[in-house]
Structure formats: C-alpha cells, structure tokens
Amino acid sequence: MDVDVDREGLEAALKGLGEHELFPCDPALADTAAFCAAYGFSPGDSANTIVVVGKSDPPVYAACVALATHRLDVNHRVKD
C-alpha cells in the first residue's frame, strides 16, 4: 500500500469539507479508549466508523459514523 497515494486521495476527497487532520495511527490502538489515551483525544471529540457491505447484487455499501460516546447497533440500525 502506498501511504502517500492514499493520503493524497483522502486530502483531495476532504478538500473544502471543513477542518480536518490526517495522521498515521497504530492499528493496535483501534479500541476507542486506547486510541484516545495514546493520541490525546477525548471520546467526545472522537468518532468510530464502520463500513457495512450489503448482500444484494450489486452490493450496497454504507459508512456508519457514531460519536465515540454513543453505541451503534449495526445489525438493526443499518437495515432500517
């Protein structure tokens, strides 16, 4: 994976959509509490994203974003 190309694509996609910051993140810190502790973010300033792929043909994709202070029941909410 070419990190520079991925970063350029993300920066291009986010251009003009508001303030943001991209930075490398250790995959071992995927747990929200561990991420917040390691990088100095509060849960109230963090969000989790889950990408869901439907079983239809062609498949339908959905990105579900929830504040880290909230829970998301993907199995039921996404279907709704």
N, C-alpha and C. Protein backbone atom coordinates (compact mmCIF):
# COMPACT_ATOMS: atom_id res chain seq x y z
N MET A 1 0.85 -1.18 0.00
CA MET A 1 0.00 0.00 0.00
C MET A 1 0.89 1.24 0.00
N ASP A 2 0.63 2.14 -0.91
CA ASP A 2 1.38 3.38 -1.00
C ASP A 2 0.70 4.44 -0.14
N VAL A 3 1.25 4.68 1.04
CA VAL A 3 0.64 5.59 2.01
C VAL A 3 0.51 7.00 1.44
N ASP A 4 1.51 7.46 0.67
CA ASP A 4 1.47 8.80 0.11
C ASP A 4 0.30 8.96 -0.87
N VAL A 5 0.06 7.93 -1.70
CA VAL A 5 -1.04 7.99 -2.66
C VAL A 5 -2.37 7.98 -1.91
N ASP A 6 -2.51 7.12 -0.89
CA ASP A 6 -3.73 7.08 -0.09
C ASP A 6 -3.98 8.43 0.58
N ARG A 7 -2.94 9.02 1.12
CA ARG A 7 -3.08 10.32 1.79
C ARG A 7 -3.51 11.39 0.80
N GLU A 8 -2.91 11.40 -0.39
CA GLU A 8 -3.28 12.38 -1.41
C GLU A 8 -4.75 12.22 -1.79
N GLY A 9 -5.21 10.99 -1.93
CA GLY A 9 -6.61 10.74 -2.27
C GLY A 9 -7.55 11.22 -1.17
N LEU A 10 -7.18 10.95 0.07
CA LEU A 10 -8.00 11.40 1.20
C LEU A 10 -8.04 12.92 1.28
N GLU A 11 -6.89 13.54 1.12
CA GLU A 11 -6.84 15.01 1.16
C GLU A 11 -7.70 15.60 0.05
N ALA A 12 -7.64 15.01 -1.15
CA ALA A 12 -8.44 15.51 -2.26
C ALA A 12 -9.94 15.34 -1.97
N ALA A 13 -10.32 14.19 -1.40
CA ALA A 13 -11.73 13.93 -1.10
C ALA A 13 -12.26 14.85 0.00
N LEU A 14 -11.40 15.25 0.92
CA LEU A 14 -11.82 16.07 2.05
C LEU A 14 -11.70 17.58 1.78
N LYS A 15 -11.06 17.94 0.69
CA LYS A 15 -10.83 19.36 0.38
C LYS A 15 -12.15 20.13 0.35
N GLY A 16 -12.19 21.21 1.12
CA GLY A 16 -13.36 22.08 1.14
C GLY A 16 -14.49 21.60 2.03
N LEU A 17 -14.30 20.50 2.75
CA LEU A 17 -15.36 19.95 3.60
C LEU A 17 -15.21 20.32 5.07
N GLY A 18 -14.33 21.23 5.37
CA GLY A 18 -14.16 21.65 6.75
C GLY A 18 -12.81 21.24 7.31
N GLU A 19 -12.60 21.65 8.53
CA GLU A 19 -11.33 21.41 9.19
C GLU A 19 -11.15 19.91 9.45
N HIS A 20 -9.96 19.42 9.20
CA HIS A 20 -9.64 18.02 9.45
C HIS A 20 -8.14 17.86 9.67
N GLU A 21 -7.78 16.72 10.22
CA GLU A 21 -6.37 16.40 10.42
C GLU A 21 -6.20 14.92 10.11
N LEU A 22 -5.25 14.59 9.26
CA LEU A 22 -4.90 13.21 8.98
C LEU A 22 -3.55 12.91 9.62
N PHE A 23 -3.46 11.78 10.29
CA PHE A 23 -2.19 11.40 10.88
C PHE A 23 -2.11 9.88 10.95
N PRO A 24 -0.91 9.32 10.91
CA PRO A 24 -0.78 7.87 11.00
C PRO A 24 -1.24 7.37 12.37
N CYS A 25 -1.86 6.22 12.37
CA CYS A 25 -2.41 5.65 13.60
C CYS A 25 -2.00 4.19 13.70
N ASP A 26 -1.54 3.79 14.86
CA ASP A 26 -1.15 2.40 15.11
C ASP A 26 -2.40 1.52 15.10
N PRO A 27 -2.47 0.52 14.21
CA PRO A 27 -3.65 -0.36 14.16
C PRO A 27 -3.92 -1.08 15.48
N ALA A 28 -2.92 -1.24 16.32
CA ALA A 28 -3.11 -1.88 17.61
C ALA A 28 -3.93 -1.00 18.55
N LEU A 29 -4.13 0.27 18.17
CA LEU A 29 -4.90 1.20 19.00
C LEU A 29 -6.30 1.43 18.44
N ALA A 30 -6.88 0.40 17.82
CA ALA A 30 -8.21 0.52 17.23
C ALA A 30 -9.29 0.67 18.29
N ASP A 31 -9.07 0.16 19.48
CA ASP A 31 -10.02 0.35 20.57
C ASP A 31 -10.11 1.84 20.88
N THR A 32 -11.31 2.35 20.99
CA THR A 32 -11.52 3.79 21.16
C THR A 32 -10.80 4.34 22.40
N ALA A 33 -10.91 3.66 23.52
CA ALA A 33 -10.26 4.16 24.74
C ALA A 33 -8.75 4.18 24.58
N ALA A 34 -8.18 3.15 23.97
CA ALA A 34 -6.73 3.10 23.75
C ALA A 34 -6.29 4.20 22.79
N PHE A 35 -7.07 4.41 21.73
CA PHE A 35 -6.77 5.47 20.76
C PHE A 35 -6.77 6.83 21.45
N CYS A 36 -7.83 7.11 22.21
CA CYS A 36 -7.95 8.41 22.87
C CYS A 36 -6.80 8.65 23.84
N ALA A 37 -6.45 7.63 24.60
CA ALA A 37 -5.36 7.76 25.57
C ALA A 37 -4.02 8.00 24.88
N ALA A 38 -3.77 7.27 23.79
CA ALA A 38 -2.48 7.36 23.11
C ALA A 38 -2.31 8.67 22.35
N TYR A 39 -3.39 9.20 21.77
CA TYR A 39 -3.27 10.38 20.92
C TYR A 39 -3.83 11.65 21.55
N GLY A 40 -4.32 11.56 22.78
CA GLY A 40 -4.75 12.76 23.49
C GLY A 40 -6.10 13.32 23.07
N PHE A 41 -6.97 12.48 22.52
CA PHE A 41 -8.32 12.92 22.16
C PHE A 41 -9.29 12.50 23.25
N SER A 42 -10.32 13.29 23.48
CA SER A 42 -11.37 12.88 24.40
C SER A 42 -12.41 12.10 23.60
N PRO A 43 -13.13 11.17 24.22
CA PRO A 43 -14.18 10.44 23.50
C PRO A 43 -15.22 11.37 22.88
N GLY A 44 -15.47 12.51 23.50
CA GLY A 44 -16.44 13.45 22.96
C GLY A 44 -15.98 14.12 21.67
N ASP A 45 -14.69 14.03 21.39
CA ASP A 45 -14.14 14.60 20.16
C ASP A 45 -13.74 13.52 19.16
N SER A 46 -14.21 12.30 19.39
CA SER A 46 -13.83 11.17 18.56
C SER A 46 -15.07 10.48 18.00
N ALA A 47 -14.88 9.77 16.91
CA ALA A 47 -15.98 9.01 16.31
C ALA A 47 -15.44 7.69 15.78
N ASN A 48 -16.31 6.72 15.70
CA ASN A 48 -15.98 5.41 15.14
C ASN A 48 -16.73 5.27 13.82
N THR A 49 -16.08 4.67 12.84
CA THR A 49 -16.71 4.43 11.55
C THR A 49 -16.70 2.94 11.26
N ILE A 50 -17.84 2.44 10.85
CA ILE A 50 -17.97 1.03 10.47
C ILE A 50 -18.47 1.02 9.02
N VAL A 51 -17.77 0.31 8.15
CA VAL A 51 -18.20 0.18 6.77
C VAL A 51 -18.92 -1.16 6.65
N VAL A 52 -20.16 -1.10 6.16
CA VAL A 52 -21.02 -2.28 6.04
C VAL A 52 -21.27 -2.55 4.57
N VAL A 53 -21.21 -3.82 4.19
CA VAL A 53 -21.49 -4.22 2.81
C VAL A 53 -22.75 -5.07 2.81
N GLY A 54 -23.75 -4.65 2.03
CA GLY A 54 -24.99 -5.41 1.93
C GLY A 54 -24.81 -6.67 1.10
N LYS A 55 -25.78 -7.56 1.18
CA LYS A 55 -25.70 -8.83 0.47
C LYS A 55 -26.34 -8.79 -0.91
N SER A 56 -26.86 -7.64 -1.32
CA SER A 56 -27.54 -7.54 -2.62
C SER A 56 -26.52 -7.63 -3.76
N ASP A 57 -27.03 -7.78 -4.97
CA ASP A 57 -26.18 -7.83 -6.14
C ASP A 57 -26.63 -6.76 -7.11
N PRO A 58 -25.89 -5.69 -7.31
CA PRO A 58 -24.58 -5.41 -6.73
C PRO A 58 -24.70 -5.02 -5.27
N PRO A 59 -23.62 -5.21 -4.52
CA PRO A 59 -23.68 -4.89 -3.10
C PRO A 59 -23.84 -3.39 -2.85
N VAL A 60 -24.49 -3.05 -1.76
CA VAL A 60 -24.66 -1.67 -1.33
C VAL A 60 -23.73 -1.45 -0.14
N TYR A 61 -23.01 -0.34 -0.16
CA TYR A 61 -22.07 -0.01 0.90
C TYR A 61 -22.63 1.13 1.74
N ALA A 62 -22.37 1.08 3.04
CA ALA A 62 -22.76 2.16 3.93
C ALA A 62 -21.65 2.40 4.94
N ALA A 63 -21.31 3.64 5.15
CA ALA A 63 -20.36 4.01 6.20
C ALA A 63 -21.17 4.59 7.36
N CYS A 64 -21.09 3.94 8.49
CA CYS A 64 -21.83 4.37 9.68
C CYS A 64 -20.85 5.05 10.63
N VAL A 65 -21.12 6.30 10.95
CA VAL A 65 -20.25 7.07 11.84
C VAL A 65 -21.02 7.38 13.10
N ALA A 66 -20.45 7.02 14.24
CA ALA A 66 -21.08 7.30 15.54
C ALA A 66 -20.05 7.93 16.46
N LEU A 67 -20.49 8.94 17.20
CA LEU A 67 -19.60 9.52 18.20
C LEU A 67 -19.11 8.43 19.14
N ALA A 68 -17.90 8.56 19.60
CA ALA A 68 -17.32 7.55 20.48
C ALA A 68 -18.09 7.42 21.80
N THR A 69 -18.87 8.43 22.13
CA THR A 69 -19.66 8.39 23.37
C THR A 69 -21.00 7.69 23.17
N HIS A 70 -21.28 7.22 21.95
CA HIS A 70 -22.54 6.54 21.64
C HIS A 70 -22.27 5.12 21.15
N ARG A 71 -23.29 4.30 21.21
CA ARG A 71 -23.20 2.93 20.69
C ARG A 71 -24.01 2.86 19.40
N LEU A 72 -23.60 1.97 18.51
CA LEU A 72 -24.31 1.79 17.25
C LEU A 72 -24.64 0.31 17.08
N ASP A 73 -25.91 -0.01 16.97
CA ASP A 73 -26.34 -1.39 16.73
C ASP A 73 -26.41 -1.58 15.22
N VAL A 74 -25.28 -1.99 14.64
CA VAL A 74 -25.17 -2.10 13.19
C VAL A 74 -26.17 -3.09 12.62
N ASN A 75 -26.39 -4.20 13.30
CA ASN A 75 -27.26 -5.24 12.77
C ASN A 75 -28.68 -4.76 12.54
N HIS A 76 -29.17 -3.87 13.35
CA HIS A 76 -30.54 -3.40 13.20
C HIS A 76 -30.65 -2.01 12.57
N ARG A 77 -29.83 -1.08 12.98
CA ARG A 77 -29.94 0.30 12.54
C ARG A 77 -29.64 0.46 11.05
N VAL A 78 -28.62 -0.23 10.55
CA VAL A 78 -28.25 -0.08 9.14
C VAL A 78 -29.35 -0.59 8.23
N LYS A 79 -29.99 -1.67 8.61
CA LYS A 79 -31.09 -2.21 7.81
C LYS A 79 -32.24 -1.20 7.74
N ASP A 80 -32.50 -0.52 8.85
CA ASP A 80 -33.57 0.48 8.88
C ASP A 80 -33.25 1.62 7.95
